[in-house]
N, C-alpha and C. Protein backbone atom coordinates (compact mmCIF):
# COMPACT_ATOMS: atom_id res chain seq x y z
N MET A 1 81.73 108.30 56.68
CA MET A 1 80.97 108.75 57.83
C MET A 1 81.92 109.55 58.73
N ARG A 2 81.47 110.69 59.17
CA ARG A 2 82.26 111.51 60.09
C ARG A 2 81.90 111.13 61.52
N VAL A 3 82.93 110.91 62.33
CA VAL A 3 82.73 110.54 63.72
C VAL A 3 83.58 111.43 64.61
N LYS A 4 83.17 111.54 65.86
CA LYS A 4 83.89 112.39 66.81
C LYS A 4 84.30 111.54 68.00
N CYS A 5 85.58 111.64 68.38
CA CYS A 5 86.09 110.89 69.53
C CYS A 5 85.43 111.42 70.80
N ILE A 6 85.02 110.52 71.65
CA ILE A 6 84.31 110.91 72.86
C ILE A 6 85.25 111.54 73.89
N ILE A 7 86.55 111.25 73.81
CA ILE A 7 87.50 111.75 74.80
C ILE A 7 88.16 113.06 74.35
N CYS A 8 88.74 113.07 73.15
CA CYS A 8 89.52 114.25 72.72
C CYS A 8 88.76 115.15 71.75
N ASP A 9 87.56 114.80 71.36
CA ASP A 9 86.72 115.59 70.45
C ASP A 9 87.32 115.78 69.06
N LYS A 10 88.23 114.88 68.67
CA LYS A 10 88.82 114.94 67.33
C LYS A 10 87.84 114.32 66.34
N ILE A 11 87.63 114.98 65.22
CA ILE A 11 86.71 114.49 64.20
C ILE A 11 87.50 113.73 63.15
N GLU A 12 87.07 112.51 62.86
CA GLU A 12 87.71 111.66 61.86
C GLU A 12 86.68 111.17 60.88
N LYS A 13 87.16 110.66 59.77
CA LYS A 13 86.27 110.09 58.77
C LYS A 13 86.58 108.60 58.68
N ILE A 14 85.55 107.76 58.80
CA ILE A 14 85.72 106.31 58.66
C ILE A 14 84.84 105.83 57.52
N GLU A 15 85.21 104.70 56.96
CA GLU A 15 84.46 104.13 55.84
C GLU A 15 83.08 103.69 56.31
N ASP A 16 82.09 103.87 55.45
CA ASP A 16 80.72 103.49 55.79
C ASP A 16 80.54 101.99 55.94
N SER A 17 81.42 101.21 55.32
CA SER A 17 81.24 99.76 55.35
C SER A 17 81.90 99.09 56.55
N LEU A 18 82.63 99.83 57.37
CA LEU A 18 83.28 99.24 58.54
C LEU A 18 82.26 98.85 59.59
N PRO A 19 82.53 97.78 60.35
CA PRO A 19 81.60 97.37 61.40
C PRO A 19 81.35 98.47 62.44
N ALA A 20 82.38 99.26 62.76
CA ALA A 20 82.19 100.34 63.73
C ALA A 20 81.20 101.38 63.22
N ALA A 21 81.26 101.69 61.93
CA ALA A 21 80.32 102.66 61.35
C ALA A 21 78.90 102.11 61.39
N LYS A 22 78.75 100.84 61.12
CA LYS A 22 77.41 100.24 61.16
C LYS A 22 76.84 100.25 62.57
N LYS A 23 77.70 99.97 63.58
CA LYS A 23 77.23 100.01 64.97
C LYS A 23 76.81 101.42 65.36
N LEU A 24 77.59 102.41 64.96
CA LEU A 24 77.25 103.79 65.30
C LEU A 24 75.96 104.24 64.61
N ARG A 25 75.75 103.78 63.40
CA ARG A 25 74.55 104.16 62.65
C ARG A 25 73.30 103.48 63.21
N ASN A 26 73.41 102.22 63.55
CA ASN A 26 72.24 101.45 63.97
C ASN A 26 71.93 101.58 65.46
N ARG A 27 72.95 101.82 66.26
CA ARG A 27 72.75 101.95 67.71
C ARG A 27 73.45 103.23 68.18
N PRO A 28 72.74 104.32 68.26
CA PRO A 28 73.36 105.60 68.60
C PRO A 28 74.00 105.64 69.99
N ILE A 29 73.69 104.70 70.85
CA ILE A 29 74.27 104.69 72.19
C ILE A 29 75.75 104.33 72.14
N HIS A 30 76.18 103.64 71.10
CA HIS A 30 77.59 103.29 70.95
C HIS A 30 78.40 104.56 70.71
N THR A 31 79.61 104.60 71.22
CA THR A 31 80.45 105.78 71.08
C THR A 31 81.72 105.41 70.33
N TYR A 32 82.38 106.42 69.78
CA TYR A 32 83.60 106.22 69.00
C TYR A 32 84.79 106.78 69.78
N MET A 33 85.90 106.03 69.75
CA MET A 33 87.13 106.48 70.36
C MET A 33 88.24 106.36 69.32
N CYS A 34 89.01 107.45 69.12
CA CYS A 34 90.06 107.43 68.11
C CYS A 34 91.18 106.48 68.54
N GLU A 35 92.01 106.11 67.60
CA GLU A 35 93.05 105.12 67.85
C GLU A 35 94.09 105.64 68.85
N GLU A 36 94.39 106.93 68.82
CA GLU A 36 95.36 107.51 69.77
C GLU A 36 94.85 107.38 71.21
N CYS A 37 93.61 107.71 71.44
CA CYS A 37 93.04 107.59 72.78
C CYS A 37 92.95 106.13 73.21
N ARG A 38 92.59 105.26 72.28
CA ARG A 38 92.48 103.84 72.59
C ARG A 38 93.83 103.26 73.01
N THR A 39 94.91 103.60 72.29
CA THR A 39 96.23 103.07 72.65
C THR A 39 96.72 103.69 73.96
N ARG A 40 96.43 104.98 74.18
CA ARG A 40 96.85 105.62 75.43
C ARG A 40 96.18 104.96 76.63
N ILE A 41 94.88 104.69 76.53
CA ILE A 41 94.16 104.05 77.62
C ILE A 41 94.64 102.62 77.83
N THR A 42 94.89 101.90 76.74
CA THR A 42 95.40 100.53 76.83
C THR A 42 96.75 100.50 77.52
N ASP A 43 97.65 101.41 77.13
CA ASP A 43 98.98 101.46 77.74
C ASP A 43 98.91 101.78 79.23
N ASN A 44 98.09 102.77 79.59
CA ASN A 44 97.95 103.14 80.99
C ASN A 44 97.34 102.01 81.82
N THR A 45 96.37 101.32 81.26
CA THR A 45 95.75 100.20 81.97
C THR A 45 96.75 99.07 82.16
N THR A 46 97.56 98.79 81.15
CA THR A 46 98.58 97.75 81.26
C THR A 46 99.59 98.10 82.35
N LYS A 47 99.97 99.36 82.43
CA LYS A 47 100.90 99.80 83.48
C LYS A 47 100.28 99.63 84.86
N ARG A 48 99.00 99.97 84.99
CA ARG A 48 98.32 99.83 86.28
C ARG A 48 98.19 98.38 86.69
N ILE A 49 97.92 97.50 85.74
CA ILE A 49 97.80 96.07 86.04
C ILE A 49 99.14 95.52 86.51
N SER A 50 100.23 95.98 85.90
CA SER A 50 101.55 95.45 86.24
C SER A 50 101.99 95.87 87.64
N THR A 51 101.41 96.92 88.23
CA THR A 51 101.78 97.34 89.59
C THR A 51 101.23 96.39 90.64
N GLY A 52 100.20 95.63 90.30
CA GLY A 52 99.60 94.72 91.27
C GLY A 52 98.53 95.38 92.13
N GLN A 53 98.30 96.65 91.97
CA GLN A 53 97.30 97.38 92.76
C GLN A 53 96.02 97.65 91.98
N PHE A 54 95.86 97.01 90.85
CA PHE A 54 94.70 97.22 89.99
C PHE A 54 93.73 96.07 90.17
N PHE A 55 92.51 96.38 90.59
CA PHE A 55 91.50 95.36 90.81
C PHE A 55 90.29 95.66 89.93
N VAL A 56 89.75 94.62 89.31
CA VAL A 56 88.56 94.77 88.50
C VAL A 56 87.39 94.27 89.33
N PHE A 57 86.47 95.16 89.62
CA PHE A 57 85.28 94.80 90.38
C PHE A 57 84.15 94.58 89.41
N ARG A 58 83.72 93.35 89.29
CA ARG A 58 82.62 93.02 88.40
C ARG A 58 81.44 92.57 89.24
N SER A 59 80.29 93.05 88.88
CA SER A 59 79.11 92.69 89.65
C SER A 59 78.67 91.28 89.29
N GLY A 60 78.23 90.56 90.28
CA GLY A 60 77.74 89.21 90.06
C GLY A 60 76.29 89.25 89.65
N LYS A 61 75.70 88.09 89.57
CA LYS A 61 74.28 88.04 89.27
C LYS A 61 73.50 88.62 90.43
N GLN A 62 72.32 89.12 90.15
CA GLN A 62 71.52 89.78 91.17
C GLN A 62 71.19 88.84 92.34
N LYS A 63 70.91 87.57 92.04
CA LYS A 63 70.55 86.68 93.14
C LYS A 63 71.75 86.40 94.03
N ASP A 64 72.99 86.47 93.51
CA ASP A 64 74.17 86.31 94.34
C ASP A 64 74.34 87.49 95.28
N LEU A 65 73.93 88.65 94.84
CA LEU A 65 74.06 89.85 95.68
C LEU A 65 73.04 89.86 96.80
N LEU A 66 71.88 89.22 96.58
CA LEU A 66 70.83 89.24 97.58
C LEU A 66 71.08 88.25 98.71
N GLN A 67 71.91 87.27 98.51
CA GLN A 67 72.13 86.24 99.55
C GLN A 67 73.12 86.68 100.57
């Protein structure tokens, strides 16, 4: 299966039997990211977390927001 990285637009070929290929085939909303972009983002995120200035804002349940 040919896939295109959402960030760098590099086209790669992955095996049809891989779980990622099945997700892309069955649910088109899923996107593919190449390994180079994935490691770059992971490294940058790890660096940001280590500075102490990185905060993850996660939304709570809707009823918690209404109170």
